[in-house]
Amino acid sequence: MNIQEGTRDMKINCPLPFDTLEPADEFTTMAAVREVGLAVERAGFHAGLVTDHPVPTSRWLDAGGHYAQGPFVMLSLLGAVTTTLRLQTGIVVLPYRNPFIVARDLATLDCFTGGRVTLSVGAGYLKGEFRAVGVDFDQRNELMDEYIQALRLALSGEDFTFEGSGYVALGNRILPAPRQKRLPIYGGGNAKRAIRRVVDYCDGWNPFFTAARGNTSTTRTADITDEADLKERIDYMHEYAAQVGRDDMPEVILGGVNVPPEAYSNQEIVDMLGRYEELGVTAAAVIVDGRDRAEFCDRAEEIGQQVIAKLNG
């Protein structure tokens, strides 16, 4: 398949570089947020993504893991310097945080940025980080299911009642509510349990490639290494949705399609995205390479012209 003209409506997301600490001050200043955010917005990316690791272990970091800034802080800064770019977590480890505190942050951010927030959540996998924040690692999946339900109620703008694991709301209310009537919540993870959770509670599924895409040393989830694996999981999502009677299928928002160390030409990325769309993918993240701010912004502009414009021009 070789797409030459824009006949599609694939949404392209951009993982943002604010967790990059070297070279010093290239991506960790307000000037960097402004310059990078505006470049990504001008290029036509749908959303800017920030990830979440509040207290990663040094062992994981030294094995190839990465730092992460506070996700809601970074999205607030990004929202202040952009006007149309969606503000998306990619992902937040939901079991780390009381869901009502998360709801308060989301509602505030969505209200003040004109309804631009998307929440993508995951169950997490770093035992040492769970230990550091005082959350039971073995209960993470149960907490995910519970917290998503609690979030939905808390984001309604109405009085809500919910009894959870060690906390209870009896007629509580969070105002102002999100500007969006239904703030999108996506569920991350490749395992079948994660897919069932998406169908049961979420607006979209946020899978990502593993193993062959260079993630084996820092992630622990079911493998999705190629299009065949992805199709198998999407088929499973459809089967489970039919089983439980869900008619509106969740969106499929794919993680980075060009994760290093593999190198793809811009046309190869366009062709890949076209194939993924045929499988049912509605959005995907494209990694923007850049050793410094100038290089990142130049590359974002190039992807805008040679990838996003070809797909959606």
Protein backbone atom coordinates (compact mmCIF):
# COMPACT_ATOMS: atom_id res chain seq x y z
CA MET A 1 0.00 0.00 0.00
CA ASN A 2 1.38 3.40 -0.93
CA ILE A 3 -0.71 6.41 0.04
CA GLN A 4 0.06 9.42 -2.11
CA GLU A 5 -2.88 11.69 -1.39
CA GLY A 6 -4.75 12.63 1.77
CA THR A 7 -7.88 10.52 1.75
CA ARG A 8 -7.91 9.44 5.39
CA ASP A 9 -8.69 10.87 8.81
CA MET A 10 -6.07 9.22 10.99
CA LYS A 11 -5.25 11.28 14.09
CA ILE A 12 -1.52 11.56 14.75
CA ASN A 13 -0.28 12.10 18.31
CA CYS A 14 3.14 13.29 19.43
CA PRO A 15 4.95 11.95 22.52
CA LEU A 16 6.58 15.04 23.99
CA PRO A 17 10.26 15.24 24.96
CA PHE A 18 9.99 16.93 28.36
CA ASP A 19 11.32 13.85 30.16
CA THR A 20 14.64 14.27 28.29
CA LEU A 21 17.21 15.64 30.73
CA GLU A 22 20.24 15.87 28.43
CA PRO A 23 21.46 18.17 27.09
CA ALA A 24 20.68 20.27 30.16
CA ASP A 25 17.84 22.79 29.82
CA GLU A 26 16.97 21.82 26.24
CA PHE A 27 13.59 20.36 27.19
CA THR A 28 13.15 21.27 30.87
CA THR A 29 12.27 24.96 30.74
CA MET A 30 9.13 26.95 30.09
CA ALA A 31 10.74 28.23 26.89
CA ALA A 32 11.02 24.60 25.76
CA VAL A 33 7.36 23.93 26.52
CA ARG A 34 6.35 26.97 24.48
CA GLU A 35 8.62 26.26 21.52
CA VAL A 36 7.93 22.53 21.33
CA GLY A 37 4.21 22.87 22.00
CA LEU A 38 3.69 25.46 19.29
CA ALA A 39 5.80 23.49 16.80
CA VAL A 40 3.75 20.34 17.39
CA GLU A 41 0.49 22.27 17.12
CA ARG A 42 1.55 23.99 13.87
CA ALA A 43 2.61 20.65 12.39
CA GLY A 44 -0.94 19.35 12.73
CA PHE A 45 -0.53 16.76 15.46
CA HIS A 46 -3.80 15.86 17.16
CA ALA A 47 -2.50 15.55 20.73
CA GLY A 48 0.64 16.01 22.75
CA LEU A 49 1.38 13.08 25.05
CA VAL A 50 3.12 12.97 28.42
CA THR A 51 3.84 9.85 30.41
CA ASP A 52 3.96 8.97 34.10
CA HIS A 53 6.57 7.55 36.46
CA PRO A 54 6.56 9.54 39.71
CA VAL A 55 9.29 7.57 41.52
CA PRO A 56 10.90 5.01 39.20
CA THR A 57 13.59 2.76 40.62
CA SER A 58 17.19 3.45 39.70
CA ARG A 59 17.53 -0.18 38.60
CA TRP A 60 14.76 0.29 36.03
CA LEU A 61 16.13 3.63 34.88
CA ASP A 62 19.62 2.20 34.43
CA ALA A 63 18.21 -0.70 32.40
CA GLY A 64 16.73 1.66 29.81
CA GLY A 65 13.75 3.21 31.59
CA HIS A 66 12.96 6.90 31.46
CA TYR A 67 12.13 9.80 33.72
CA ALA A 68 8.75 11.51 33.61
CA GLN A 69 7.59 14.89 34.82
CA GLY A 70 4.30 15.37 36.67
CA PRO A 71 1.74 14.65 33.91
CA PHE A 72 -0.98 17.09 34.93
CA VAL A 73 1.58 19.83 35.60
CA MET A 74 3.12 19.35 32.16
CA LEU A 75 -0.25 19.29 30.43
CA SER A 76 -1.23 22.49 32.26
CA LEU A 77 1.92 24.20 31.01
CA LEU A 78 1.29 22.87 27.51
CA GLY A 79 -2.32 24.02 27.60
CA ALA A 80 -1.22 27.53 28.51
CA VAL A 81 0.88 27.95 25.35
CA THR A 82 -1.35 26.14 22.81
CA THR A 83 -4.93 26.62 21.64
CA THR A 84 -5.99 23.55 19.62
CA LEU A 85 -3.60 20.74 20.56
CA ARG A 86 -5.27 18.07 22.66
CA LEU A 87 -3.67 17.41 26.04
CA GLN A 88 -3.31 13.68 26.60
CA THR A 89 -1.70 11.45 29.16
CA GLY A 90 0.08 8.55 27.61
CA ILE A 91 -0.30 7.02 30.17
CA VAL A 92 -1.12 7.79 33.83
CA VAL A 93 -0.72 4.89 36.24
CA LEU A 94 -4.16 5.24 37.77
CA PRO A 95 -3.74 2.93 40.83
CA TYR A 96 -1.11 5.31 42.25
CA ARG A 97 -3.69 8.03 42.93
CA ASN A 98 -7.03 8.48 44.64
CA PRO A 99 -9.50 8.76 41.74
CA PHE A 100 -11.25 11.81 43.15
CA ILE A 101 -7.96 13.75 43.30
CA VAL A 102 -7.36 12.74 39.66
CA ALA A 103 -10.90 13.87 38.79
CA ARG A 104 -10.30 17.27 40.40
CA ASP A 105 -7.10 17.79 38.38
CA LEU A 106 -8.76 16.65 35.15
CA ALA A 107 -11.85 18.81 35.62
CA THR A 108 -9.71 21.88 36.36
CA LEU A 109 -7.44 21.31 33.38
CA ASP A 110 -10.29 20.61 30.97
CA CYS A 111 -12.28 23.63 32.13
CA PHE A 112 -9.40 26.07 31.83
CA THR A 113 -8.16 24.76 28.47
CA GLY A 114 -11.52 24.76 26.72
CA GLY A 115 -12.20 21.01 26.75
CA ARG A 116 -8.96 19.63 25.33
CA VAL A 117 -8.07 16.86 27.80
CA THR A 118 -7.90 13.12 27.11
CA LEU A 119 -7.01 10.70 29.90
CA SER A 120 -5.22 7.48 29.04
CA VAL A 121 -4.63 5.21 32.01
CA GLY A 122 -2.72 2.03 32.72
CA ALA A 123 -2.42 -0.43 35.58
CA GLY A 124 1.37 -0.07 35.86
CA TYR A 125 4.06 -2.70 36.20
CA LEU A 126 6.96 -1.39 38.32
CA LYS A 127 6.81 -3.17 41.67
CA GLY A 128 9.40 -0.83 43.18
CA GLU A 129 7.33 2.20 42.23
CA PHE A 130 4.16 0.68 43.69
CA ARG A 131 6.08 0.03 46.88
CA ALA A 132 7.32 3.63 46.97
CA VAL A 133 3.81 5.12 46.68
CA GLY A 134 2.32 2.62 49.12
CA VAL A 135 -0.04 0.78 46.77
CA ASP A 136 -0.50 -3.00 46.64
CA PHE A 137 0.97 -4.16 43.33
CA ASP A 138 -1.12 -7.34 43.30
CA GLN A 139 -4.35 -5.33 43.51
CA ARG A 140 -3.55 -3.00 40.63
CA ASN A 141 -6.05 -4.47 38.15
CA GLU A 142 -8.90 -4.44 40.63
CA LEU A 143 -8.02 -0.86 41.55
CA MET A 144 -8.00 0.13 37.87
CA ASP A 145 -11.53 -1.16 37.34
CA GLU A 146 -12.74 0.54 40.49
CA TYR A 147 -11.00 3.85 39.93
CA ILE A 148 -12.28 4.27 36.37
CA GLN A 149 -15.84 3.86 37.62
CA ALA A 150 -15.19 6.35 40.43
CA LEU A 151 -13.69 8.82 37.94
CA ARG A 152 -16.73 8.71 35.70
CA LEU A 153 -19.02 9.67 38.56
CA ALA A 154 -16.72 12.35 39.91
CA LEU A 155 -16.36 14.00 36.48
CA SER A 156 -20.13 14.32 36.01
CA GLY A 157 -20.50 17.71 37.71
CA GLU A 158 -23.34 16.19 39.73
CA ASP A 159 -23.54 14.92 43.29
CA PHE A 160 -22.11 11.41 43.42
CA THR A 161 -21.93 8.50 45.81
CA PHE A 162 -19.28 5.82 45.56
CA GLU A 163 -17.74 3.39 48.03
CA GLY A 164 -14.27 2.20 47.12
CA SER A 165 -11.31 0.46 48.68
CA GLY A 166 -10.69 2.45 51.84
CA TYR A 167 -12.57 5.59 50.76
CA VAL A 168 -16.19 6.61 50.34
CA ALA A 169 -18.05 9.55 48.81
CA LEU A 170 -21.56 10.19 50.10
CA GLY A 171 -23.09 12.99 48.09
CA ASN A 172 -19.89 14.77 47.06
CA ARG A 173 -19.51 17.17 44.12
CA ILE A 174 -16.65 18.54 41.96
CA LEU A 175 -17.19 21.87 40.21
CA PRO A 176 -16.44 23.34 37.77
CA ALA A 177 -16.93 20.15 35.82
CA PRO A 178 -14.93 19.34 32.70
CA ARG A 179 -15.86 21.45 29.69
CA GLN A 180 -16.39 18.24 27.71
CA LYS A 181 -19.66 16.50 28.41
CA ARG A 182 -17.79 13.19 28.43
CA LEU A 183 -14.05 13.52 28.94
CA PRO A 184 -12.46 10.64 26.96
CA ILE A 185 -10.87 7.89 29.03
CA TYR A 186 -8.64 5.38 27.25
CA GLY A 187 -7.31 2.19 28.77
CA GLY A 188 -3.75 1.10 28.09
CA GLY A 189 -2.19 -2.35 28.06
CA ASN A 190 -1.95 -5.24 25.62
CA ALA A 191 -3.29 -8.10 27.75
CA LYS A 192 -6.75 -9.51 27.22
CA ARG A 193 -7.76 -8.37 30.68
CA ALA A 194 -6.84 -4.81 29.72
CA ILE A 195 -8.92 -5.14 26.55
CA ARG A 196 -11.92 -6.38 28.50
CA ARG A 197 -11.54 -3.41 30.85
CA VAL A 198 -11.61 -1.05 27.86
CA VAL A 199 -14.82 -2.58 26.55
CA ASP A 200 -16.41 -2.51 30.01
CA TYR A 201 -15.43 1.02 31.07
CA CYS A 202 -13.49 3.07 28.51
CA ASP A 203 -13.87 5.12 25.35
CA GLY A 204 -10.75 3.75 23.70
CA TRP A 205 -7.94 1.21 23.84
CA ASN A 206 -4.32 2.36 23.93
CA PRO A 207 -2.06 -0.59 22.92
CA PHE A 208 1.63 -0.37 22.11
CA PHE A 209 4.20 -2.46 20.33
CA THR A 210 6.64 -4.52 22.40
CA ALA A 211 9.59 -6.90 21.93
CA ALA A 212 10.49 -6.35 18.27
CA ARG A 213 10.01 -2.61 18.83
CA GLY A 214 12.74 -2.41 21.47
CA ASN A 215 10.67 -2.31 24.68
CA THR A 216 11.50 -5.67 26.28
CA SER A 217 13.85 -4.38 28.95
CA THR A 218 11.51 -1.75 30.38
CA THR A 219 7.93 -2.98 29.92
CA ARG A 220 6.02 -5.95 31.21
CA THR A 221 2.86 -6.65 29.27
CA ALA A 222 1.58 -9.06 26.66
CA ASP A 223 3.52 -8.83 23.42
CA ILE A 224 2.21 -7.05 20.36
CA THR A 225 5.07 -7.18 17.89
CA ASP A 226 3.44 -6.82 14.48
CA GLU A 227 0.23 -6.23 12.57
CA ALA A 228 -0.90 -9.83 13.01
CA ASP A 229 -0.72 -9.50 16.80
CA LEU A 230 -2.55 -6.20 16.68
CA LYS A 231 -5.30 -7.62 14.48
CA GLU A 232 -5.72 -10.58 16.81
CA ARG A 233 -6.23 -8.24 19.79
CA ILE A 234 -8.64 -5.98 17.89
CA ASP A 235 -10.63 -9.05 16.84
CA TYR A 236 -10.73 -10.12 20.49
CA MET A 237 -12.03 -6.68 21.48
CA HIS A 238 -14.85 -7.00 18.94
CA GLU A 239 -15.67 -10.51 20.16
CA TYR A 240 -15.82 -9.45 23.78
CA ALA A 241 -17.89 -6.36 22.94
CA ALA A 242 -20.41 -8.57 21.16
CA GLN A 243 -20.44 -10.92 24.13
CA VAL A 244 -21.29 -8.16 26.62
CA GLY A 245 -23.58 -6.26 24.25
CA ARG A 246 -21.54 -3.12 23.60
CA ASP A 247 -22.47 -1.63 20.23
CA ASP A 248 -20.23 1.45 20.08
CA MET A 249 -16.74 0.09 19.63
CA PRO A 250 -13.91 1.76 21.56
CA GLU A 251 -11.41 3.73 19.54
CA VAL A 252 -7.98 2.17 19.02
CA ILE A 253 -5.18 4.62 19.80
CA LEU A 254 -1.86 2.98 18.99
CA GLY A 255 1.39 3.83 20.73
CA GLY A 256 4.56 4.82 18.89
CA VAL A 257 4.66 3.23 15.45
CA ASN A 258 8.28 4.20 14.81
CA VAL A 259 9.88 3.37 18.15
CA PRO A 260 13.70 3.32 17.95
CA PRO A 261 16.00 1.60 17.18
CA GLU A 262 14.14 0.90 13.94
CA ALA A 263 14.33 3.68 11.36
CA TYR A 264 11.56 4.34 8.85
CA SER A 265 11.24 6.82 6.04
CA ASN A 266 8.32 9.23 6.16
CA GLN A 267 6.60 7.33 3.36
CA GLU A 268 7.05 4.05 5.22
CA ILE A 269 5.37 5.63 8.24
CA VAL A 270 2.49 6.82 6.04
CA ASP A 271 2.09 3.32 4.59
CA MET A 272 2.19 1.70 8.03
CA LEU A 273 -0.45 4.06 9.35
CA GLY A 274 -2.64 3.29 6.36
CA ARG A 275 -2.43 -0.43 7.11
CA TYR A 276 -3.17 0.13 10.79
CA GLU A 277 -6.20 2.22 9.91
CA GLU A 278 -7.54 -0.64 7.83
CA LEU A 279 -7.31 -2.81 10.97
CA GLY A 280 -9.43 -0.31 12.90
CA VAL A 281 -6.81 2.02 14.41
CA THR A 282 -8.20 5.55 14.72
CA ALA A 283 -5.12 7.35 16.10
CA ALA A 284 -1.43 6.62 16.48
CA ALA A 285 1.63 8.21 18.01
CA VAL A 286 4.59 9.07 15.79
CA ILE A 287 7.90 9.52 17.59
CA VAL A 288 9.68 12.79 16.75
CA ASP A 289 13.46 12.44 16.92
CA GLY A 290 15.47 15.39 18.16
CA ARG A 291 18.71 15.63 20.08
CA ASP A 292 17.92 19.24 20.96
CA ARG A 293 14.96 21.59 20.77
CA ALA A 294 15.73 22.94 17.30
CA GLU A 295 16.15 19.49 15.82
CA PHE A 296 12.93 18.28 17.46
CA CYS A 297 10.92 21.20 16.12
CA ASP A 298 12.37 20.81 12.62
CA ARG A 299 11.53 17.12 12.62
CA ALA A 300 7.99 17.82 13.88
CA GLU A 301 7.48 20.22 10.97
CA GLU A 302 8.80 17.62 8.54
CA ILE A 303 6.41 14.96 9.87
CA GLY A 304 3.59 17.46 9.58
CA GLN A 305 4.35 18.07 5.92
CA GLN A 306 5.32 14.56 4.83
CA VAL A 307 3.20 12.31 7.04
CA ILE A 308 0.19 14.14 8.54
CA ALA A 309 -0.57 16.14 5.41
CA LYS A 310 -0.39 13.02 3.23
CA LEU A 311 -2.77 11.15 5.49
CA ASN A 312 -5.28 13.92 6.09
CA GLY A 313 -4.60 16.62 3.49
